[in-house]
Protein backbone atom coordinates (compact mmCIF):
# COMPACT_ATOMS: atom_id res chain seq x y z
CA MET A 1 -4.54 3.17 -22.89
CA ALA A 2 -3.59 5.83 -20.34
CA ASP A 3 -2.05 4.86 -17.04
CA ILE A 4 -4.49 4.91 -14.10
CA ASN A 5 -2.17 7.26 -12.14
CA ILE A 6 -2.36 9.84 -14.89
CA ILE A 7 -6.16 9.63 -15.06
CA GLN A 8 -6.37 10.23 -11.31
CA ALA A 9 -3.81 13.05 -11.51
CA ASN A 10 -6.04 14.92 -13.96
CA ALA A 11 -8.89 14.78 -11.46
CA LEU A 12 -6.62 15.94 -8.62
CA ILE A 13 -5.20 19.01 -10.38
CA GLU A 14 -8.55 20.14 -11.80
CA GLY A 15 -9.42 23.53 -10.32
CA LEU A 16 -6.21 23.64 -8.29
CA SER A 17 -4.26 26.90 -8.17
CA THR A 18 -0.62 26.29 -7.33
CA GLU A 19 2.83 27.30 -8.49
CA ALA A 20 4.21 23.79 -9.00
CA VAL A 21 2.99 20.21 -9.28
CA ILE A 22 5.55 17.64 -8.13
CA GLY A 23 5.33 14.00 -9.18
CA ASP A 24 7.53 10.98 -9.74
CA LYS A 25 8.52 9.39 -13.05
CA GLY A 26 5.21 7.56 -13.28
CA TYR A 27 3.47 10.86 -14.02
CA ASP A 28 5.74 11.78 -16.92
CA ALA A 29 3.26 12.10 -19.76
CA ASP A 30 3.08 14.89 -22.30
CA ALA A 31 -0.67 15.33 -21.86
CA LEU A 32 -0.41 15.72 -18.09
CA VAL A 33 2.55 18.12 -18.30
CA ALA A 34 0.67 20.20 -20.88
CA ARG A 35 -2.39 20.30 -18.62
CA ILE A 36 -0.26 21.45 -15.68
CA HIS A 37 1.32 24.20 -17.78
CA ALA A 38 -2.12 25.25 -19.06
CA ALA A 39 -3.19 25.70 -15.44
CA GLY A 40 -0.26 28.11 -14.96
CA ALA A 41 1.88 25.83 -12.81
CA GLN A 42 5.34 24.38 -13.22
CA ALA A 43 5.55 20.61 -13.75
CA VAL A 44 8.34 19.18 -11.57
CA ILE A 45 8.39 15.63 -12.89
CA PRO A 46 11.64 13.84 -13.76
CA PRO A 47 11.69 12.28 -17.21
CA GLY A 48 11.03 8.57 -17.53
CA SER A 49 13.73 6.23 -18.77
CA ASN A 50 11.73 5.57 -21.95
CA ARG A 51 12.07 9.17 -23.17
CA THR A 52 14.39 9.69 -26.12
CA GLU A 53 14.93 13.34 -25.21
CA GLN A 54 15.45 13.95 -21.49
CA LYS A 55 13.73 17.14 -20.33
CA ALA A 56 14.92 19.45 -17.58
CA TYR A 57 13.16 19.79 -14.23
CA ASP A 58 13.83 21.66 -10.99
CA ARG A 59 15.89 19.17 -8.96
CA HIS A 60 15.93 21.42 -5.89
CA LEU A 61 12.15 21.65 -5.78
CA TYR A 62 11.83 17.90 -6.46
CA LYS A 63 13.73 17.18 -3.24
CA ASP A 64 10.77 18.57 -1.28
CA ARG A 65 8.72 15.59 -2.48
CA ASN A 66 10.80 13.42 -0.16
CA LEU A 67 9.46 15.31 2.88
CA VAL A 68 5.89 14.56 1.87
CA GLU A 69 6.63 10.89 1.21
CA ARG A 70 8.33 10.52 4.58
CA PHE A 71 5.39 12.22 6.32
CA PHE A 72 2.91 9.79 4.74
CA ASN A 73 5.14 6.91 5.78
CA ARG A 74 5.27 8.25 9.33
CA ILE A 75 1.50 8.60 9.76
CA LYS A 76 0.94 5.13 8.28
CA GLN A 77 2.99 3.72 11.17
CA PHE A 78 -0.14 4.31 13.25
CA ARG A 79 -2.34 1.27 12.79
CA CYS A 80 -5.60 3.18 13.00
CA ILE A 81 -4.61 5.27 9.98
CA ALA A 82 -3.07 2.48 7.88
CA THR A 83 -6.01 0.08 8.28
CA ARG A 84 -8.72 2.72 8.58
CA TYR A 85 -10.62 1.27 11.51
CA GLU A 86 -12.97 4.23 11.61
CA LYS A 87 -16.02 3.75 9.42
CA LEU A 88 -17.18 7.36 9.30
CA ALA A 89 -15.13 9.94 7.42
CA ARG A 90 -15.42 12.50 10.24
CA ASN A 91 -14.04 10.00 12.79
CA TYR A 92 -11.18 9.03 10.46
CA PHE A 93 -10.38 12.69 9.85
CA SER A 94 -10.40 13.35 13.60
CA MET A 95 -8.02 10.46 14.19
CA LEU A 96 -5.83 11.75 11.36
CA ASN A 97 -5.70 15.14 13.09
CA VAL A 98 -4.62 13.50 16.35
CA VAL A 99 -1.89 11.47 14.59
CA CYS A 100 -0.63 14.51 12.66
CA THR A 101 -0.45 16.49 15.90
CA PHE A 102 1.49 13.67 17.54
CA VAL A 103 3.94 13.52 14.62
CA TRP A 104 4.33 17.30 14.66
CA LEU A 105 5.10 17.33 18.40
CA ALA A 106 7.45 14.34 18.32
């Protein structure tokens, strides 16, 4: 059975035009990497420890993933984002815009 992360990743990259798709070791599956390459993008996913043959990936580009992870961590420090107090999507999105602006200015 496929991992739930990989099933969701297929839905996320569908119809996406990008140069590279960056993911952690949990997304290291031949089917997903093949789908990314078929879409014309580079798969920047480090090989899992269970691989017999370690594949190469762009380590420099993979370092950019850290910036995204730290940004998500930063906006989740705001309680209204982490617990999603807002019921309506438009209100949550508005609050997310305010928090992102605050993080950007800080």
